[in-house]
Every structure is written in C-alpha cells, then in structure tokens.
Amino acid sequence: MKTSRSNVVRTPKVCHFCVNAIDDVDYKDVRTIQRFMTSYAKIASRHRTGTCNKHQRRLAEAIKRARFLALVPYTLR
C-alpha cells in the first residue's frame, strides 16, 4: 500500500545564523563551516542547509577563504 506525500508534515528549515544571532560567519571556525559542506567538501545548497540568502553568501565566502588558507580541503579525493 502506497502512502501519499500529502500526509508528510515537514517543519520549515530555519537559518542557523539567524536563530543564533550570528552576524559574521568566521572563516576560522572550521567546525561550523564543515557543517555546511557535503561529504565531498562542496558547499551545500540553501535548500539542503536551510540558511537564508544573506548568510549563504557570507558562508560561501568564508568557506572559500578557509580553503585558501588550507583550513578546509578543496576536495576529499
């Protein structure tokens, strides 16, 4: 018996940075940055992580800076 998708209740994702009142995404905070990366060290999308547009742009910039300074790898392979 198939279940329809209309029975699934999803809670909306909220921005981690807005909820915790974090204004600046710090590139030196590797633990937080890795939370928003995939297993292949790619930047995860807004749809998957739930970040707002403003913080997604700042997060991407912080990840790129951390990569340049060798705090986070470019790829894991």
N, C-alpha and C. Protein backbone atom coordinates (compact mmCIF):
# COMPACT_ATOMS: atom_id res chain seq x y z
N MET A 1 0.83 -1.18 0.00
CA MET A 1 0.00 0.00 0.00
C MET A 1 0.88 1.25 0.00
N LYS A 2 0.63 2.13 -0.92
CA LYS A 2 1.42 3.35 -1.04
C LYS A 2 0.88 4.44 -0.12
N THR A 3 1.80 5.22 0.38
CA THR A 3 1.39 6.38 1.16
C THR A 3 1.60 7.62 0.30
N SER A 4 0.67 8.52 0.41
CA SER A 4 0.79 9.74 -0.40
C SER A 4 1.69 10.74 0.32
N ARG A 5 2.28 11.60 -0.46
CA ARG A 5 3.19 12.59 0.09
C ARG A 5 2.45 13.68 0.86
N SER A 6 1.16 13.79 0.64
CA SER A 6 0.41 14.84 1.32
C SER A 6 0.28 14.57 2.82
N ASN A 7 0.52 13.34 3.26
CA ASN A 7 0.43 13.02 4.67
C ASN A 7 1.70 13.38 5.44
N VAL A 8 2.75 13.70 4.73
CA VAL A 8 4.03 14.02 5.37
C VAL A 8 4.00 15.47 5.83
N VAL A 9 4.30 15.68 7.10
CA VAL A 9 4.36 17.02 7.65
C VAL A 9 5.82 17.41 7.81
N ARG A 10 6.21 18.47 7.14
CA ARG A 10 7.59 18.92 7.20
C ARG A 10 7.66 20.21 7.98
N THR A 11 8.65 20.28 8.84
CA THR A 11 8.88 21.53 9.55
C THR A 11 9.80 22.39 8.69
N PRO A 12 9.54 23.67 8.62
CA PRO A 12 10.40 24.53 7.80
C PRO A 12 11.79 24.65 8.39
N LYS A 13 12.78 24.65 7.53
CA LYS A 13 14.16 24.82 7.98
C LYS A 13 14.39 26.29 8.28
N VAL A 14 15.13 26.53 9.32
CA VAL A 14 15.43 27.91 9.70
C VAL A 14 16.94 28.13 9.61
N CYS A 15 17.30 29.35 9.38
CA CYS A 15 18.71 29.70 9.23
C CYS A 15 19.42 29.57 10.57
N HIS A 16 20.50 28.81 10.60
CA HIS A 16 21.29 28.60 11.81
C HIS A 16 21.86 29.91 12.33
N PHE A 17 22.27 30.78 11.44
CA PHE A 17 22.91 32.02 11.82
C PHE A 17 21.89 33.05 12.31
N CYS A 18 20.70 33.07 11.74
CA CYS A 18 19.66 33.99 12.19
C CYS A 18 19.13 33.58 13.57
N VAL A 19 18.94 32.29 13.78
CA VAL A 19 18.41 31.81 15.06
C VAL A 19 19.39 32.09 16.19
N ASN A 20 20.67 31.87 15.94
CA ASN A 20 21.68 32.07 16.97
C ASN A 20 22.25 33.49 17.01
N ALA A 21 21.69 34.39 16.23
CA ALA A 21 22.09 35.80 16.18
C ALA A 21 23.58 35.95 15.87
N ILE A 22 24.06 35.21 14.88
CA ILE A 22 25.45 35.31 14.44
C ILE A 22 25.48 36.23 13.22
N ASP A 23 26.15 37.39 13.36
CA ASP A 23 26.19 38.35 12.27
C ASP A 23 27.23 37.99 11.23
N ASP A 24 28.44 37.68 11.68
CA ASP A 24 29.52 37.38 10.76
C ASP A 24 29.87 35.90 10.82
N VAL A 25 30.01 35.30 9.65
CA VAL A 25 30.43 33.91 9.56
C VAL A 25 31.96 33.92 9.56
N ASP A 26 32.56 33.31 10.57
CA ASP A 26 34.01 33.37 10.73
C ASP A 26 34.66 32.23 9.97
N TYR A 27 35.61 32.54 9.11
CA TYR A 27 36.28 31.52 8.32
C TYR A 27 37.19 30.64 9.17
N LYS A 28 37.57 31.11 10.37
CA LYS A 28 38.44 30.33 11.25
C LYS A 28 37.68 29.29 12.07
N ASP A 29 36.36 29.39 12.08
CA ASP A 29 35.52 28.44 12.82
C ASP A 29 35.25 27.23 11.91
N VAL A 30 36.20 26.33 11.87
CA VAL A 30 36.16 25.20 10.93
C VAL A 30 35.00 24.25 11.24
N ARG A 31 34.70 24.04 12.50
CA ARG A 31 33.63 23.11 12.87
C ARG A 31 32.28 23.58 12.32
N THR A 32 32.01 24.86 12.42
CA THR A 32 30.75 25.40 11.89
C THR A 32 30.74 25.36 10.37
N ILE A 33 31.86 25.69 9.77
CA ILE A 33 31.94 25.69 8.31
C ILE A 33 31.72 24.29 7.74
N GLN A 34 32.31 23.28 8.36
CA GLN A 34 32.18 21.92 7.84
C GLN A 34 30.76 21.39 7.96
N ARG A 35 29.98 21.97 8.84
CA ARG A 35 28.58 21.57 8.98
C ARG A 35 27.78 21.89 7.71
N PHE A 36 28.22 22.91 6.99
CA PHE A 36 27.52 23.36 5.79
C PHE A 36 28.22 22.90 4.51
N MET A 37 29.01 21.84 4.60
CA MET A 37 29.67 21.27 3.44
C MET A 37 29.24 19.82 3.27
N THR A 38 29.28 19.33 2.04
CA THR A 38 28.92 17.95 1.77
C THR A 38 30.08 17.04 2.12
N SER A 39 29.87 15.75 1.97
CA SER A 39 30.92 14.79 2.28
C SER A 39 32.09 14.88 1.29
N TYR A 40 31.86 15.50 0.14
CA TYR A 40 32.93 15.68 -0.84
C TYR A 40 33.55 17.08 -0.75
N ALA A 41 33.29 17.78 0.36
CA ALA A 41 33.83 19.11 0.64
C ALA A 41 33.30 20.18 -0.30
N LYS A 42 32.09 19.99 -0.81
CA LYS A 42 31.45 21.01 -1.63
C LYS A 42 30.55 21.85 -0.74
N ILE A 43 30.28 23.07 -1.16
CA ILE A 43 29.38 23.94 -0.41
C ILE A 43 27.96 23.44 -0.61
N ALA A 44 27.26 23.15 0.48
CA ALA A 44 25.89 22.64 0.40
C ALA A 44 24.94 23.78 0.02
N SER A 45 23.86 23.43 -0.65
CA SER A 45 22.91 24.42 -1.14
C SER A 45 22.03 24.95 -0.02
N ARG A 46 21.39 26.07 -0.28
CA ARG A 46 20.48 26.67 0.68
C ARG A 46 19.30 25.76 0.95
N HIS A 47 18.85 25.08 -0.08
CA HIS A 47 17.71 24.18 0.07
C HIS A 47 18.01 23.06 1.06
N ARG A 48 19.22 22.59 1.04
CA ARG A 48 19.60 21.48 1.92
C ARG A 48 19.91 21.93 3.35
N THR A 49 20.59 23.08 3.49
CA THR A 49 21.02 23.52 4.81
C THR A 49 19.99 24.39 5.51
N GLY A 50 19.17 25.10 4.76
CA GLY A 50 18.16 25.96 5.36
C GLY A 50 18.64 27.35 5.70
N THR A 51 19.82 27.74 5.22
CA THR A 51 20.31 29.08 5.51
C THR A 51 19.59 30.10 4.63
N CYS A 52 19.52 31.33 5.13
CA CYS A 52 18.90 32.39 4.34
C CYS A 52 19.90 32.86 3.27
N ASN A 53 19.40 33.67 2.36
CA ASN A 53 20.22 34.12 1.22
C ASN A 53 21.44 34.92 1.68
N LYS A 54 21.22 35.82 2.63
CA LYS A 54 22.30 36.67 3.12
C LYS A 54 23.42 35.85 3.76
N HIS A 55 23.05 34.90 4.61
CA HIS A 55 24.06 34.11 5.29
C HIS A 55 24.68 33.05 4.38
N GLN A 56 23.95 32.60 3.36
CA GLN A 56 24.52 31.63 2.42
C GLN A 56 25.67 32.28 1.64
N ARG A 57 25.50 33.54 1.25
CA ARG A 57 26.56 34.24 0.54
C ARG A 57 27.78 34.46 1.44
N ARG A 58 27.54 34.83 2.68
CA ARG A 58 28.66 35.02 3.62
C ARG A 58 29.32 33.70 3.97
N LEU A 59 28.54 32.63 4.04
CA LEU A 59 29.07 31.31 4.32
C LEU A 59 29.96 30.83 3.18
N ALA A 60 29.51 31.03 1.94
CA ALA A 60 30.31 30.64 0.78
C ALA A 60 31.64 31.40 0.75
N GLU A 61 31.60 32.67 1.08
CA GLU A 61 32.82 33.47 1.12
C GLU A 61 33.77 32.97 2.21
N ALA A 62 33.22 32.62 3.37
CA ALA A 62 34.04 32.12 4.47
C ALA A 62 34.66 30.77 4.12
N ILE A 63 33.90 29.91 3.45
CA ILE A 63 34.43 28.60 3.04
C ILE A 63 35.56 28.77 2.04
N LYS A 64 35.39 29.69 1.11
CA LYS A 64 36.44 29.93 0.11
C LYS A 64 37.71 30.49 0.76
N ARG A 65 37.56 31.35 1.74
CA ARG A 65 38.72 31.87 2.46
C ARG A 65 39.42 30.77 3.25
N ALA A 66 38.61 29.92 3.90
CA ALA A 66 39.19 28.82 4.68
C ALA A 66 39.90 27.83 3.78
N ARG A 67 39.39 27.63 2.59
CA ARG A 67 40.07 26.74 1.62
C ARG A 67 41.41 27.34 1.21
N PHE A 68 41.43 28.63 0.94
CA PHE A 68 42.65 29.30 0.50
C PHE A 68 43.73 29.22 1.57
N LEU A 69 43.34 29.29 2.84
CA LEU A 69 44.29 29.23 3.95
C LEU A 69 44.54 27.81 4.42
N ALA A 70 44.03 26.83 3.71
CA ALA A 70 44.23 25.40 3.98
C ALA A 70 43.64 24.96 5.32
N LEU A 71 42.57 25.63 5.76
CA LEU A 71 41.87 25.19 6.96
C LEU A 71 40.85 24.11 6.62
N VAL A 72 40.32 24.19 5.40
CA VAL A 72 39.33 23.24 4.89
C VAL A 72 39.83 22.77 3.52
N PRO A 73 39.69 21.48 3.21
CA PRO A 73 40.18 21.00 1.91
C PRO A 73 39.26 21.43 0.75
N TYR A 74 39.86 21.50 -0.43
CA TYR A 74 39.07 21.77 -1.62
C TYR A 74 38.25 20.54 -2.00
N THR A 75 38.88 19.38 -1.96
CA THR A 75 38.20 18.11 -2.22
C THR A 75 38.75 17.07 -1.26
N LEU A 76 38.01 15.98 -1.09
CA LEU A 76 38.47 14.92 -0.20
C LEU A 76 39.06 13.76 -0.95
N ARG A 77 39.06 13.82 -2.27
CA ARG A 77 39.63 12.72 -3.06
C ARG A 77 41.00 13.06 -3.54
